Every structure is written in structure tokens, then in C-alpha cells.
Amino acid sequence: MRYHLLSLALLILSVCPISLGQSSGEQTKDNQLDKVTRTFRPKLLLQDALKIADNYIGDEHIDISHYWLYEVRYTVYGEKGKGQPAWHIWWVSDRVALGDYVEIVVFMDGKAWRKPSM
């Protein structure tokens, strides 16, 4: 009896594929978007943005000795349609305290700015 139920279940699963996640139409759309968004090179390379942020931290006397680099994202910063591409660099503290982090935004022209934390 178990063998027949198992065989029936396998037959149903093989005939009716289950979509885990996105449909094939959405997958091709996402793949196309990935290809489009990754075809250009930022004017300011990540390595250069990290150096600029490091210099900014030194110039502004920001103590990040107890922080570690958590995340870097290439993003558009500003109003929708008027934003500027930038690197968003985020350091998080060893201490687990709400708002204890440092965020630096480095624009493609090399200007850095610290986002206020909580």
C-alpha cells in the first residue's frame, strides 16, 4: 500500500512541476534586469571610495576603532529621479547598541558625507 502511494506521489510530482519561487517569466525579466544594471562601471571604483571614506573619517576625527565594515552598496542617493550615484559604506560597532554605527556616503565626484545615526 505504501509503495503504491509513494509511486503515485512521485508520478504526480514528475508530471506537475512545482514552482518554488518565481515563474519562468519573472526569472527571465530579473535576469535581463541584472544584465542591464551590471553593464556599466561606476566612475569611482570601490577601492577609491573606501580610501576617500577612510580619509574623511580621519579628517572628521571619527573614532571607528571599535567598528567593523559591515556593508558597502552602490546606490542612487537623493530624490527619485534627481538622485546621484554613490557608494554607501556602513560600519557597525562591536557593542550591541541601537544606532551605534557609522554610515559614510561617497559620491562619484569624490565628496564624502556622514549620514546621521540614531
PDB file of N, CA and C in Angstrom:
ATOM      1  N   MET A   1       0.828  -1.192   0.000  1.00  0.00           N
ATOM      2  CA  MET A   1       0.000   0.000   0.000  1.00  0.00           C
ATOM      3  C   MET A   1       0.873   1.257   0.000  1.00  0.00           C
ATOM      4  N   ARG A   2       1.893   1.279   0.881  1.00  0.00           N
ATOM      5  CA  ARG A   2       2.775   2.438   0.941  1.00  0.00           C
ATOM      6  C   ARG A   2       3.503   2.629  -0.383  1.00  0.00           C
ATOM      7  N   TYR A   3       3.917   1.521  -0.989  1.00  0.00           N
ATOM      8  CA  TYR A   3       4.640   1.588  -2.248  1.00  0.00           C
ATOM      9  C   TYR A   3       3.773   2.240  -3.318  1.00  0.00           C
ATOM     10  N   HIS A   4       2.482   1.898  -3.361  1.00  0.00           N
ATOM     11  CA  HIS A   4       1.574   2.469  -4.359  1.00  0.00           C
ATOM     12  C   HIS A   4       1.360   3.960  -4.111  1.00  0.00           C
ATOM     13  N   LEU A   5       1.237   4.357  -2.841  1.00  0.00           N
ATOM     14  CA  LEU A   5       1.059   5.776  -2.533  1.00  0.00           C
ATOM     15  C   LEU A   5       2.315   6.570  -2.880  1.00  0.00           C
ATOM     16  N   LEU A   6       3.478   6.007  -2.578  1.00  0.00           N
ATOM     17  CA  LEU A   6       4.728   6.669  -2.903  1.00  0.00           C
ATOM     18  C   LEU A   6       4.903   6.790  -4.413  1.00  0.00           C
ATOM     19  N   SER A   7       4.567   5.749  -5.142  1.00  0.00           N
ATOM     20  CA  SER A   7       4.665   5.780  -6.605  1.00  0.00           C
ATOM     21  C   SER A   7       3.708   6.813  -7.183  1.00  0.00           C
ATOM     22  N   LEU A   8       2.504   6.899  -6.639  1.00  0.00           N
ATOM     23  CA  LEU A   8       1.521   7.864  -7.107  1.00  0.00           C
ATOM     24  C   LEU A   8       2.002   9.300  -6.828  1.00  0.00           C
ATOM     25  N   ALA A   9       2.558   9.512  -5.653  1.00  0.00           N
ATOM     26  CA  ALA A   9       3.060  10.842  -5.308  1.00  0.00           C
ATOM     27  C   ALA A   9       4.206  11.244  -6.234  1.00  0.00           C
ATOM     28  N   LEU A  10       5.134  10.328  -6.511  1.00  0.00           N
ATOM     29  CA  LEU A  10       6.240  10.615  -7.420  1.00  0.00           C
ATOM     30  C   LEU A  10       5.749  10.884  -8.833  1.00  0.00           C
ATOM     31  N   LEU A  11       4.739  10.153  -9.273  1.00  0.00           N
ATOM     32  CA  LEU A  11       4.173  10.369 -10.596  1.00  0.00           C
ATOM     33  C   LEU A  11       3.549  11.751 -10.695  1.00  0.00           C
ATOM     34  N   ILE A  12       2.795  12.142  -9.692  1.00  0.00           N
ATOM     35  CA  ILE A  12       2.145  13.458  -9.689  1.00  0.00           C
ATOM     36  C   ILE A  12       3.195  14.560  -9.681  1.00  0.00           C
ATOM     37  N   LEU A  13       4.233  14.413  -8.859  1.00  0.00           N
ATOM     38  CA  LEU A  13       5.275  15.432  -8.789  1.00  0.00           C
ATOM     39  C   LEU A  13       6.064  15.535 -10.086  1.00  0.00           C
ATOM     40  N   SER A  14       6.255  14.424 -10.771  1.00  0.00           N
ATOM     41  CA  SER A  14       7.022  14.472 -12.017  1.00  0.00           C
ATOM     42  C   SER A  14       6.196  15.056 -13.158  1.00  0.00           C
ATOM     43  N   VAL A  15       4.888  14.870 -13.127  1.00  0.00           N
ATOM     44  CA  VAL A  15       4.022  15.386 -14.190  1.00  0.00           C
ATOM     45  C   VAL A  15       3.704  16.857 -13.959  1.00  0.00           C
ATOM     46  N   CYS A  16       3.490  17.265 -12.723  1.00  0.00           N
ATOM     47  CA  CYS A  16       3.124  18.640 -12.382  1.00  0.00           C
ATOM     48  C   CYS A  16       4.290  19.287 -11.656  1.00  0.00           C
ATOM     49  N   PRO A  17       5.194  19.951 -12.365  1.00  0.00           N
ATOM     50  CA  PRO A  17       6.334  20.576 -11.681  1.00  0.00           C
ATOM     51  C   PRO A  17       5.872  21.694 -10.746  1.00  0.00           C
ATOM     52  N   ILE A  18       6.509  21.730  -9.621  1.00  0.00           N
ATOM     53  CA  ILE A  18       6.179  22.731  -8.611  1.00  0.00           C
ATOM     54  C   ILE A  18       7.144  23.889  -8.766  1.00  0.00           C
ATOM     55  N   SER A  19       6.598  25.079  -8.801  1.00  0.00           N
ATOM     56  CA  SER A  19       7.445  26.265  -8.922  1.00  0.00           C
ATOM     57  C   SER A  19       7.765  26.772  -7.530  1.00  0.00           C
ATOM     58  N   LEU A  20       9.024  26.665  -7.143  1.00  0.00           N
ATOM     59  CA  LEU A  20       9.474  27.187  -5.863  1.00  0.00           C
ATOM     60  C   LEU A  20      10.097  28.546  -6.106  1.00  0.00           C
ATOM     61  N   GLY A  21       9.360  29.591  -5.871  1.00  0.00           N
ATOM     62  CA  GLY A  21       9.921  30.924  -6.094  1.00  0.00           C
ATOM     63  C   GLY A  21       9.182  31.639  -7.191  1.00  0.00           C
ATOM     64  N   GLN A  22       9.896  32.007  -8.267  1.00  0.00           N
ATOM     65  CA  GLN A  22       9.341  32.841  -9.312  1.00  0.00           C
ATOM     66  C   GLN A  22       8.951  32.006 -10.516  1.00  0.00           C
ATOM     67  N   SER A  23       8.036  32.536 -11.302  1.00  0.00           N
ATOM     68  CA  SER A  23       7.691  31.885 -12.546  1.00  0.00           C
ATOM     69  C   SER A  23       8.802  32.123 -13.555  1.00  0.00           C
ATOM     70  N   SER A  24       8.790  31.352 -14.625  1.00  0.00           N
ATOM     71  CA  SER A  24       9.869  31.473 -15.608  1.00  0.00           C
ATOM     72  C   SER A  24       9.878  32.852 -16.254  1.00  0.00           C
ATOM     73  N   GLY A  25       8.710  33.470 -16.427  1.00  0.00           N
ATOM     74  CA  GLY A  25       8.647  34.816 -16.985  1.00  0.00           C
ATOM     75  C   GLY A  25       9.315  35.833 -16.083  1.00  0.00           C
ATOM     76  N   GLU A  26       9.101  35.702 -14.786  1.00  0.00           N
ATOM     77  CA  GLU A  26       9.730  36.626 -13.840  1.00  0.00           C
ATOM     78  C   GLU A  26      11.231  36.396 -13.776  1.00  0.00           C
ATOM     79  N   GLN A  27      11.654  35.142 -13.874  1.00  0.00           N
ATOM     80  CA  GLN A  27      13.082  34.845 -13.818  1.00  0.00           C
ATOM     81  C   GLN A  27      13.804  35.469 -14.998  1.00  0.00           C
ATOM     82  N   THR A  28      13.234  35.369 -16.195  1.00  0.00           N
ATOM     83  CA  THR A  28      13.905  35.960 -17.346  1.00  0.00           C
ATOM     84  C   THR A  28      13.919  37.465 -17.239  1.00  0.00           C
ATOM     85  N   LYS A  29      12.863  38.057 -16.697  1.00  0.00           N
ATOM     86  CA  LYS A  29      12.829  39.504 -16.504  1.00  0.00           C
ATOM     87  C   LYS A  29      13.914  39.932 -15.519  1.00  0.00           C
ATOM     88  N   ASP A  30      14.058  39.203 -14.386  1.00  0.00           N
ATOM     89  CA  ASP A  30      15.097  39.512 -13.412  1.00  0.00           C
ATOM     90  C   ASP A  30      16.485  39.349 -14.010  1.00  0.00           C
ATOM     91  N   ASN A  31      16.671  38.290 -14.789  1.00  0.00           N
ATOM     92  CA  ASN A  31      17.973  38.076 -15.423  1.00  0.00           C
ATOM     93  C   ASN A  31      18.300  39.208 -16.382  1.00  0.00           C
ATOM     94  N   GLN A  32      17.300  39.686 -17.111  1.00  0.00           N
ATOM     95  CA  GLN A  32      17.520  40.796 -18.029  1.00  0.00           C
ATOM     96  C   GLN A  32      17.874  42.057 -17.264  1.00  0.00           C
ATOM     97  N   LEU A  33      17.196  42.300 -16.132  1.00  0.00           N
ATOM     98  CA  LEU A  33      17.500  43.473 -15.322  1.00  0.00           C
ATOM     99  C   LEU A  33      18.912  43.398 -14.773  1.00  0.00           C
ATOM    100  N   ASP A  34      19.340  42.204 -14.340  1.00  0.00           N
ATOM    101  CA  ASP A  34      20.703  42.042 -13.844  1.00  0.00           C
ATOM    102  C   ASP A  34      21.709  42.386 -14.932  1.00  0.00           C
ATOM    103  N   LYS A  35      21.460  41.939 -16.141  1.00  0.00           N
ATOM    104  CA  LYS A  35      22.383  42.211 -17.231  1.00  0.00           C
ATOM    105  C   LYS A  35      22.433  43.706 -17.540  1.00  0.00           C
ATOM    106  N   VAL A  36      21.290  44.373 -17.472  1.00  0.00           N
ATOM    107  CA  VAL A  36      21.244  45.797 -17.775  1.00  0.00           C
ATOM    108  C   VAL A  36      21.946  46.603 -16.692  1.00  0.00           C
ATOM    109  N   THR A  37      21.686  46.299 -15.410  1.00  0.00           N
ATOM    110  CA  THR A  37      22.254  47.096 -14.335  1.00  0.00           C
ATOM    111  C   THR A  37      23.736  46.838 -14.132  1.00  0.00           C
ATOM    112  N   ARG A  38      24.257  45.766 -14.663  1.00  0.00           N
ATOM    113  CA  ARG A  38      25.665  45.438 -14.448  1.00  0.00           C
ATOM    114  C   ARG A  38      26.530  45.680 -15.683  1.00  0.00           C
ATOM    115  N   THR A  39      26.018  46.401 -16.655  1.00  0.00           N
ATOM    116  CA  THR A  39      26.792  46.604 -17.869  1.00  0.00           C
ATOM    117  C   THR A  39      27.646  47.872 -17.816  1.00  0.00           C
ATOM    118  N   PHE A  40      27.512  48.680 -16.792  1.00  0.00           N
ATOM    119  CA  PHE A  40      28.306  49.892 -16.699  1.00  0.00           C
ATOM    120  C   PHE A  40      29.241  49.820 -15.503  1.00  0.00           C
ATOM    121  N   ARG A  41      30.229  50.670 -15.525  1.00  0.00           N
ATOM    122  CA  ARG A  41      31.221  50.707 -14.467  1.00  0.00           C
ATOM    123  C   ARG A  41      31.074  52.028 -13.722  1.00  0.00           C
ATOM    124  N   PRO A  42      31.053  51.998 -12.394  1.00  0.00           N
ATOM    125  CA  PRO A  42      30.962  53.256 -11.639  1.00  0.00           C
ATOM    126  C   PRO A  42      32.170  54.149 -11.942  1.00  0.00           C
ATOM    127  N   LYS A  43      31.935  55.448 -11.974  1.00  0.00           N
ATOM    128  CA  LYS A  43      33.028  56.397 -12.229  1.00  0.00           C
ATOM    129  C   LYS A  43      34.086  56.313 -11.132  1.00  0.00           C
ATOM    130  N   LEU A  44      33.654  56.070  -9.918  1.00  0.00           N
ATOM    131  CA  LEU A  44      34.556  55.960  -8.770  1.00  0.00           C
ATOM    132  C   LEU A  44      34.570  54.498  -8.326  1.00  0.00           C
ATOM    133  N   LEU A  45      35.711  53.876  -8.387  1.00  0.00           N
ATOM    134  CA  LEU A  45      35.810  52.473  -8.011  1.00  0.00           C
ATOM    135  C   LEU A  45      35.633  52.291  -6.509  1.00  0.00           C
ATOM    136  N   LEU A  46      35.224  51.120  -6.113  1.00  0.00           N
ATOM    137  CA  LEU A  46      35.002  50.805  -4.709  1.00  0.00           C
ATOM    138  C   LEU A  46      36.257  51.047  -3.876  1.00  0.00           C
ATOM    139  N   GLN A  47      37.407  50.623  -4.371  1.00  0.00           N
ATOM    140  CA  GLN A  47      38.658  50.800  -3.627  1.00  0.00           C
ATOM    141  C   GLN A  47      38.927  52.284  -3.370  1.00  0.00           C
ATOM    142  N   ASP A  48      38.684  53.110  -4.377  1.00  0.00           N
ATOM    143  CA  ASP A  48      38.895  54.548  -4.224  1.00  0.00           C
ATOM    144  C   ASP A  48      37.885  55.152  -3.251  1.00  0.00           C
ATOM    145  N   ALA A  49      36.644  54.676  -3.300  1.00  0.00           N
ATOM    146  CA  ALA A  49      35.613  55.174  -2.379  1.00  0.00           C
ATOM    147  C   ALA A  49      35.972  54.828  -0.934  1.00  0.00           C
ATOM    148  N   LEU A  50      36.529  53.638  -0.704  1.00  0.00           N
ATOM    149  CA  LEU A  50      36.942  53.253   0.649  1.00  0.00           C
ATOM    150  C   LEU A  50      38.084  54.130   1.149  1.00  0.00           C
ATOM    151  N   LYS A  51      39.013  54.474   0.257  1.00  0.00           N
ATOM    152  CA  LYS A  51      40.115  55.367   0.642  1.00  0.00           C
ATOM    153  C   LYS A  51      39.588  56.760   0.985  1.00  0.00           C
ATOM    154  N   ILE A  52      38.657  57.261   0.178  1.00  0.00           N
ATOM    155  CA  ILE A  52      38.064  58.574   0.441  1.00  0.00           C
ATOM    156  C   ILE A  52      37.331  58.561   1.772  1.00  0.00           C
ATOM    157  N   ALA A  53      36.568  57.509   2.033  1.00  0.00           N
ATOM    158  CA  ALA A  53      35.841  57.402   3.304  1.00  0.00           C
ATOM    159  C   ALA A  53      36.815  57.330   4.476  1.00  0.00           C
ATOM    160  N   ASP A  54      37.886  56.589   4.313  1.00  0.00           N
ATOM    161  CA  ASP A  54      38.894  56.489   5.366  1.00  0.00           C
ATOM    162  C   ASP A  54      39.528  57.854   5.647  1.00  0.00           C
ATOM    163  N   ASN A  55      39.855  58.599   4.595  1.00  0.00           N
ATOM    164  CA  ASN A  55      40.399  59.954   4.775  1.00  0.00           C
ATOM    165  C   ASN A  55      39.382  60.877   5.442  1.00  0.00           C
ATOM    166  N   TYR A  56      38.121  60.753   5.059  1.00  0.00           N
ATOM    167  CA  TYR A  56      37.053  61.569   5.651  1.00  0.00           C
ATOM    168  C   TYR A  56      36.933  61.272   7.147  1.00  0.00           C
ATOM    169  N   ILE A  57      36.999  60.003   7.505  1.00  0.00           N
ATOM    170  CA  ILE A  57      36.907  59.606   8.912  1.00  0.00           C
ATOM    171  C   ILE A  57      38.073  60.205   9.699  1.00  0.00           C
ATOM    172  N   GLY A  58      39.254  60.193   9.112  1.00  0.00           N
ATOM    173  CA  GLY A  58      40.417  60.791   9.774  1.00  0.00           C
ATOM    174  C   GLY A  58      40.289  62.299   9.899  1.00  0.00           C
ATOM    175  N   ASP A  59      39.864  62.963   8.824  1.00  0.00           N
ATOM    176  CA  ASP A  59      39.721  64.418   8.827  1.00  0.00           C
ATOM    177  C   ASP A  59      38.659  64.896   9.820  1.00  0.00           C
ATOM    178  N   GLU A  60      37.596  64.113   9.969  1.00  0.00           N
ATOM    179  CA  GLU A  60      36.494  64.484  10.864  1.00  0.00           C
ATOM    180  C   GLU A  60      36.687  63.932  12.283  1.00  0.00           C
ATOM    181  N   HIS A  61      37.790  63.252  12.519  1.00  0.00           N
ATOM    182  CA  HIS A  61      38.120  62.675  13.832  1.00  0.00           C
ATOM    183  C   HIS A  61      37.005  61.759  14.349  1.00  0.00           C
ATOM    184  N   ILE A  62      36.547  60.881  13.481  1.00  0.00           N
ATOM    185  CA  ILE A  62      35.517  59.901  13.839  1.00  0.00           C
ATOM    186  C   ILE A  62      36.239  58.651  14.337  1.00  0.00           C
ATOM    187  N   ASP A  63      35.939  58.244  15.559  1.00  0.00           N
ATOM    188  CA  ASP A  63      36.595  57.071  16.150  1.00  0.00           C
ATOM    189  C   ASP A  63      35.856  55.804  15.723  1.00  0.00           C
ATOM    190  N   ILE A  64      36.474  55.044  14.848  1.00  0.00           N
ATOM    191  CA  ILE A  64      35.881  53.768  14.421  1.00  0.00           C
ATOM    192  C   ILE A  64      36.736  52.587  14.869  1.00  0.00           C
ATOM    193  N   SER A  65      37.508  52.788  15.935  1.00  0.00           N
ATOM    194  CA  SER A  65      38.397  51.719  16.393  1.00  0.00           C
ATOM    195  C   SER A  65      37.631  50.483  16.873  1.00  0.00           C
ATOM    196  N   HIS A  66      36.391  50.649  17.304  1.00  0.00           N
ATOM    197  CA  HIS A  66      35.587  49.512  17.765  1.00  0.00           C
ATOM    198  C   HIS A  66      34.499  49.155  16.756  1.00  0.00           C
ATOM    199  N   TYR A  67      34.711  49.532  15.519  1.00  0.00           N
ATOM    200  CA  TYR A  67      33.730  49.266  14.466  1.00  0.00           C
ATOM    201  C   TYR A  67      34.349  48.352  13.422  1.00  0.00           C
ATOM    202  N   TRP A  68      33.501  47.695  12.675  1.00  0.00           N
ATOM    203  CA  TRP A  68      33.949  46.847  11.582  1.00  0.00           C
ATOM    204  C   TRP A  68      33.077  47.120  10.368  1.00  0.00           C
ATOM    205  N   LEU A  69      33.687  46.970   9.194  1.00  0.00           N
ATOM    206  CA  LEU A  69      32.983  47.234   7.947  1.00  0.00           C
ATOM    207  C   LEU A  69      31.902  46.189   7.751  1.00  0.00           C
ATOM    208  N   TYR A  70      30.668  46.640   7.717  1.00  0.00           N
ATOM    209  CA  TYR A  70      29.519  45.738   7.639  1.00  0.00           C
ATOM    210  C   TYR A  70      29.024  45.573   6.202  1.00  0.00           C
ATOM    211  N   GLU A  71      28.921  46.711   5.488  1.00  0.00           N
ATOM    212  CA  GLU A  71      28.299  46.627   4.174  1.00  0.00           C
ATOM    213  C   GLU A  71      28.719  47.815   3.311  1.00  0.00           C
ATOM    214  N   VAL A  72      28.853  47.543   2.021  1.00  0.00           N
ATOM    215  CA  VAL A  72      29.083  48.601   1.036  1.00  0.00           C
ATOM    216  C   VAL A  72      28.123  48.344  -0.116  1.00  0.00           C
ATOM    217  N   ARG A  73      27.390  49.390  -0.495  1.00  0.00           N
ATOM    218  CA  ARG A  73      26.449  49.262  -1.608  1.00  0.00           C
ATOM    219  C   ARG A  73      26.627  50.400  -2.595  1.00  0.00           C
ATOM    220  N   TYR A  74      26.503  50.079  -3.841  1.00  0.00           N
ATOM    221  CA  TYR A  74      26.449  51.087  -4.894  1.00  0.00           C
ATOM    222  C   TYR A  74      24.978  51.422  -5.071  1.00  0.00           C
ATOM    223  N   THR A  75      24.612  52.678  -4.873  1.00  0.00           N
ATOM    224  CA  THR A  75      23.214  53.049  -4.855  1.00  0.00           C
ATOM    225  C   THR A  75      23.011  54.422  -5.477  1.00  0.00           C
ATOM    226  N   VAL A  76      21.779  54.804  -5.621  1.00  0.00           N
ATOM    227  CA  VAL A  76      21.435  56.163  -6.044  1.00  0.00           C
ATOM    228  C   VAL A  76      20.918  56.872  -4.811  1.00  0.00           C
ATOM    229  N   TYR A  77      21.577  57.983  -4.469  1.00  0.00           N
ATOM    230  CA  TYR A  77      21.254  58.689  -3.234  1.00  0.00           C
ATOM    231  C   TYR A  77      20.588  60.025  -3.563  1.00  0.00           C
ATOM    232  N   GLY A  78      19.424  60.248  -2.980  1.00  0.00           N
ATOM    233  CA  GLY A  78      18.706  61.505  -3.192  1.00  0.00           C
ATOM    234  C   GLY A  78      17.281  61.260  -3.633  1.00  0.00           C
ATOM    235  N   GLU A  79      16.640  62.321  -4.093  1.00  0.00           N
ATOM    236  CA  GLU A  79      15.247  62.241  -4.515  1.00  0.00           C
ATOM    237  C   GLU A  79      15.094  61.356  -5.746  1.00  0.00           C
ATOM    238  N   LYS A  80      13.909  60.769  -5.870  1.00  0.00           N
ATOM    239  CA  LYS A  80      13.635  59.912  -7.008  1.00  0.00           C
ATOM    240  C   LYS A  80      13.695  60.748  -8.289  1.00  0.00           C
ATOM    241  N   GLY A  81      14.472  60.291  -9.233  1.00  0.00           N
ATOM    242  CA  GLY A  81      14.623  60.991 -10.495  1.00  0.00           C
ATOM    243  C   GLY A  81      15.708  62.058 -10.477  1.00  0.00           C
ATOM    244  N   LYS A  82      16.145  62.480  -9.283  1.00  0.00           N
ATOM    245  CA  LYS A  82      17.175  63.509  -9.168  1.00  0.00           C
ATOM    246  C   LYS A  82      18.378  63.016  -8.376  1.00  0.00           C
ATOM    247  N   GLY A  83      18.385  61.750  -8.058  1.00  0.00           N
ATOM    248  CA  GLY A  83      19.440  61.204  -7.217  1.00  0.00           C
ATOM    249  C   GLY A  83      20.778  61.103  -7.928  1.00  0.00           C
ATOM    250  N   GLN A  84      21.814  60.963  -7.128  1.00  0.00           N
ATOM    251  CA  GLN A  84      23.167  60.827  -7.641  1.00  0.00           C
ATOM    252  C   GLN A  84      23.703  59.450  -7.252  1.00  0.00           C
ATOM    253  N   PRO A  85      24.430  58.802  -8.156  1.00  0.00           N
ATOM    254  CA  PRO A  85      25.026  57.521  -7.788  1.00  0.00           C
ATOM    255  C   PRO A  85      26.095  57.725  -6.719  1.00  0.00           C
ATOM    256  N   ALA A  86      26.173  56.794  -5.800  1.00  0.00           N
ATOM    257  CA  ALA A  86      27.115  56.921  -4.684  1.00  0.00           C
ATOM    258  C   ALA A  86      27.394  55.548  -4.091  1.00  0.00           C
ATOM    259  N   TRP A  87      28.480  55.492  -3.332  1.00  0.00           N
ATOM    260  CA  TRP A  87      28.795  54.314  -2.526  1.00  0.00           C
ATOM    261  C   TRP A  87      28.306  54.582  -1.113  1.00  0.00           C
ATOM    262  N   HIS A  88      27.522  53.672  -0.582  1.00  0.00           N
ATOM    263  CA  HIS A  88      27.040  53.760   0.801  1.00  0.00           C
ATOM    264  C   HIS A  88      27.861  52.766   1.617  1.00  0.00           C
ATOM    265  N   ILE A  89      28.661  53.282   2.541  1.00  0.00           N
ATOM    266  CA  ILE A  89      29.581  52.452   3.317  1.00  0.00           C
ATOM    267  C   ILE A  89      29.144  52.488   4.775  1.00  0.00           C
ATOM    268  N   TRP A  90      29.017  51.297   5.382  1.00  0.00           N
ATOM    269  CA  TRP A  90      28.399  51.182   6.699  1.00  0.00           C
ATOM    270  C   TRP A  90      29.309  50.383   7.626  1.00  0.00           C
ATOM    271  N   TRP A  91      29.715  51.016   8.733  1.00  0.00           N
ATOM    272  CA  TRP A  91      30.475  50.352   9.791  1.00  0.00           C
ATOM    273  C   TRP A  91      29.556  50.134  10.978  1.00  0.00           C
ATOM    274  N   VAL A  92      29.666  48.967  11.613  1.00  0.00           N
ATOM    275  CA  VAL A  92      28.844  48.617  12.760  1.00  0.00           C
ATOM    276  C   VAL A  92      29.756  48.409  13.967  1.00  0.00           C
ATOM    277  N   SER A  93      29.263  48.787  15.142  1.00  0.00           N
ATOM    278  CA  SER A  93      30.053  48.698  16.367  1.00  0.00           C
ATOM    279  C   SER A  93      30.078  47.280  16.920  1.00  0.00           C
ATOM    280  N   ASP A  94      31.138  46.985  17.676  1.00  0.00           N
ATOM    281  CA  ASP A  94      31.204  45.717  18.405  1.00  0.00           C
ATOM    282  C   ASP A  94      30.127  45.668  19.480  1.00  0.00           C
ATOM    283  N   ARG A  95      29.851  46.827  20.048  1.00  0.00           N
ATOM    284  CA  ARG A  95      28.813  46.909  21.074  1.00  0.00           C
ATOM    285  C   ARG A  95      27.449  46.764  20.415  1.00  0.00           C
ATOM    286  N   VAL A  96      26.555  46.097  21.083  1.00  0.00           N
ATOM    287  CA  VAL A  96      25.219  45.906  20.525  1.00  0.00           C
ATOM    288  C   VAL A  96      24.312  47.003  21.087  1.00  0.00           C
ATOM    289  N   ALA A  97      24.378  48.169  20.461  1.00  0.00           N
ATOM    290  CA  ALA A  97      23.552  49.291  20.889  1.00  0.00           C
ATOM    291  C   ALA A  97      22.818  49.846  19.671  1.00  0.00           C
ATOM    292  N   LEU A  98      21.578  50.184  19.858  1.00  0.00           N
ATOM    293  CA  LEU A  98      20.767  50.713  18.781  1.00  0.00           C
ATOM    294  C   LEU A  98      21.350  52.038  18.298  1.00  0.00           C
ATOM    295  N   GLY A  99      21.581  52.151  17.016  1.00  0.00           N
ATOM    296  CA  GLY A  99      22.089  53.382  16.434  1.00  0.00           C
ATOM    297  C   GLY A  99      23.583  53.567  16.551  1.00  0.00           C
ATOM    298  N   ASP A 100      24.300  52.548  17.003  1.00  0.00           N
ATOM    299  CA  ASP A 100      25.747  52.662  17.160  1.00  0.00           C
ATOM    300  C   ASP A 100      26.433  52.157  15.883  1.00  0.00           C
ATOM    301  N   TYR A 101      26.417  52.998  14.874  1.00  0.00           N
ATOM    302  CA  TYR A 101      27.029  52.669  13.604  1.00  0.00           C
ATOM    303  C   TYR A 101      27.479  53.958  12.924  1.00  0.00           C
ATOM    304  N   VAL A 102      28.301  53.805  11.904  1.00  0.00           N
ATOM    305  CA  VAL A 102      28.781  54.955  11.132  1.00  0.00           C
ATOM    306  C   VAL A 102      28.475  54.670   9.672  1.00  0.00           C
ATOM    307  N   GLU A 103      27.782  55.602   9.024  1.00  0.00           N
ATOM    308  CA  GLU A 103      27.477  55.477   7.611  1.00  0.00           C
ATOM    309  C   GLU A 103      28.099  56.653   6.870  1.00  0.00           C
ATOM    310  N   ILE A 104      28.880  56.354   5.853  1.00  0.00           N
ATOM    311  CA  ILE A 104      29.503  57.370   5.022  1.00  0.00           C
ATOM    312  C   ILE A 104      29.007  57.153   3.590  1.00  0.00           C
ATOM    313  N   VAL A 105      28.604  58.241   2.958  1.00  0.00           N
ATOM    314  CA  VAL A 105      28.194  58.203   1.554  1.00  0.00           C
ATOM    315  C   VAL A 105      29.290  58.896   0.754  1.00  0.00           C
ATOM    316  N   VAL A 106      29.805  58.207  -0.255  1.00  0.00           N
ATOM    317  CA  VAL A 106      30.833  58.773  -1.121  1.00  0.00           C
ATOM    318  C   VAL A 106      30.243  58.873  -2.534  1.00  0.00           C
ATOM    319  N   PHE A 107      30.150  60.110  -3.017  1.00  0.00           N
ATOM    320  CA  PHE A 107      29.587  60.354  -4.344  1.00  0.00           C
ATOM    321  C   PHE A 107      30.650  60.156  -5.414  1.00  0.00           C
ATOM    322  N   MET A 108      30.218  60.055  -6.650  1.00  0.00           N
ATOM    323  CA  MET A 108      31.129  59.770  -7.754  1.00  0.00           C
ATOM    324  C   MET A 108      32.122  60.901  -8.006  1.00  0.00           C
ATOM    325  N   ASP A 109      31.846  62.104  -7.496  1.00  0.00           N
ATOM    326  CA  ASP A 109      32.798  63.208  -7.654  1.00  0.00           C
ATOM    327  C   ASP A 109      33.854  63.210  -6.553  1.00  0.00           C
ATOM    328  N   GLY A 110      33.795  62.212  -5.641  1.00  0.00           N
ATOM    329  CA  GLY A 110      34.798  62.081  -4.588  1.00  0.00           C
ATOM    330  C   GLY A 110      34.444  62.774  -3.286  1.00  0.00           C
ATOM    331  N   LYS A 111      33.282  63.403  -3.216  1.00  0.00           N
ATOM    332  CA  LYS A 111      32.856  64.066  -1.988  1.00  0.00           C
ATOM    333  C   LYS A 111      32.239  63.035  -1.047  1.00  0.00           C
ATOM    334  N   ALA A 112      32.580  63.156   0.230  1.00  0.00           N
ATOM    335  CA  ALA A 112      32.064  62.229   1.240  1.00  0.00           C
ATOM    336  C   ALA A 112      31.160  62.985   2.201  1.00  0.00           C
ATOM    337  N   TRP A 113      30.221  62.271   2.780  1.00  0.00           N
ATOM    338  CA  TRP A 113      29.266  62.853   3.710  1.00  0.00           C
ATOM    339  C   TRP A 113      28.857  61.785   4.719  1.00  0.00           C
ATOM    340  N   ARG A 114      28.789  62.166   5.970  1.00  0.00           N
ATOM    341  CA  ARG A 114      28.366  61.211   7.009  1.00  0.00           C
ATOM    342  C   ARG A 114      26.869  61.330   7.215  1.00  0.00           C
ATOM    343  N   LYS A 115      26.190  60.198   7.103  1.00  0.00           N
ATOM    344  CA  LYS A 115      24.758  60.171   7.411  1.00  0.00           C
ATOM    345  C   LYS A 115      24.603  60.161   8.912  1.00  0.00           C
ATOM    346  N   PRO A 116      23.674  60.945   9.442  1.00  0.00           N
ATOM    347  CA  PRO A 116      23.469  60.932  10.887  1.00  0.00           C
ATOM    348  C   PRO A 116      22.921  59.585  11.345  1.00  0.00           C
ATOM    349  N   SER A 117      23.431  59.087  12.466  1.00  0.00           N
ATOM    350  CA  SER A 117      22.918  57.837  13.017  1.00  0.00           C
ATOM    351  C   SER A 117      21.888  58.165  14.074  1.00  0.00           C
ATOM    352  N   MET A 118      21.210  57.146  14.555  1.00  0.00           N
ATOM    353  CA  MET A 118      20.122  57.339  15.516  1.00  0.00           C
ATOM    354  C   MET A 118      20.603  57.887  16.817  1.00  0.00           C
TER     355      MET A 118
END
